[in-house]
Amino acid sequence: MKRDLITVDVKTTSLRDAEAALRQVLGSYKNPRVVALTAIGPNWWQWSSHIQLLAAIEFDD
């Protein structure tokens, strides 16, 4: 089992759009499992218009 950290930057504050973007990135991994997930603003002045997700994942070889 391998591990990786991935980031997803979404130019909206919609959590549904952020979820869709994360699922799209996870699609490139074989059987991914999200171990930890946090959302942060990429910059203070962009907080109201962006969501950046940081996910720790495990996936099969």
Protein backbone atom coordinates (compact mmCIF):
# COMPACT_ATOMS: atom_id res chain seq x y z
CA MET A 1 0.00 0.00 0.00
CA LYS A 2 1.38 3.38 -1.02
CA ARG A 3 0.68 6.82 0.43
CA ASP A 4 0.54 10.26 -1.11
CA LEU A 5 -0.43 13.85 -0.34
CA ILE A 6 -2.54 15.61 -2.93
CA THR A 7 -3.81 19.16 -3.20
CA VAL A 8 -6.83 20.34 -5.12
CA ASP A 9 -7.35 24.05 -5.80
CA VAL A 10 -10.93 24.99 -6.69
CA LYS A 11 -11.85 28.49 -7.83
CA THR A 12 -15.13 28.54 -5.93
CA THR A 13 -16.36 28.21 -2.37
CA SER A 14 -18.84 25.47 -3.28
CA LEU A 15 -18.13 22.27 -1.37
CA ARG A 16 -19.91 20.26 -4.08
CA ASP A 17 -17.47 21.57 -6.69
CA ALA A 18 -14.55 20.86 -4.36
CA GLU A 19 -15.81 17.29 -3.85
CA ALA A 20 -16.12 16.77 -7.61
CA ALA A 21 -12.58 18.08 -8.17
CA LEU A 22 -11.20 15.79 -5.45
CA ARG A 23 -12.99 12.77 -6.94
CA GLN A 24 -11.52 13.61 -10.34
CA VAL A 25 -7.98 13.66 -8.93
CA LEU A 26 -8.58 10.45 -6.98
CA GLY A 27 -9.66 8.75 -10.20
CA SER A 28 -6.03 8.46 -11.29
CA TYR A 29 -5.21 6.24 -8.28
CA LYS A 30 -6.02 2.54 -7.90
CA ASN A 31 -8.50 1.98 -5.04
CA PRO A 32 -7.79 5.24 -3.16
CA ARG A 33 -8.76 5.79 0.47
CA VAL A 34 -8.72 9.27 2.03
CA VAL A 35 -7.01 9.06 5.41
CA ALA A 36 -7.10 12.76 6.31
CA LEU A 37 -8.65 15.79 4.66
CA THR A 38 -8.43 19.50 5.40
CA ALA A 39 -9.45 22.65 3.57
CA ILE A 40 -7.30 25.76 3.58
CA GLY A 41 -7.34 29.07 1.76
CA PRO A 42 -4.46 29.38 -0.71
CA ASN A 43 -3.96 33.05 0.20
CA TRP A 44 -5.63 35.31 2.70
CA TRP A 45 -7.07 37.59 0.01
CA GLN A 46 -8.41 34.62 -1.98
CA TRP A 47 -10.19 33.00 0.97
CA SER A 48 -13.62 34.12 -0.21
CA SER A 49 -13.18 32.84 -3.78
CA HIS A 50 -11.05 29.65 -3.52
CA ILE A 51 -10.96 26.38 -1.65
CA GLN A 52 -7.79 24.35 -1.46
CA LEU A 53 -8.08 20.76 -0.24
CA LEU A 54 -5.14 18.84 1.18
CA ALA A 55 -5.74 15.10 1.35
CA ALA A 56 -3.58 12.30 2.68
CA ILE A 57 -4.45 9.14 0.78
CA GLU A 58 -3.54 5.47 0.68
CA PHE A 59 -3.86 3.46 -2.51
CA ASP A 60 -3.01 0.04 -3.92
CA ASP A 61 0.06 -0.60 -6.04
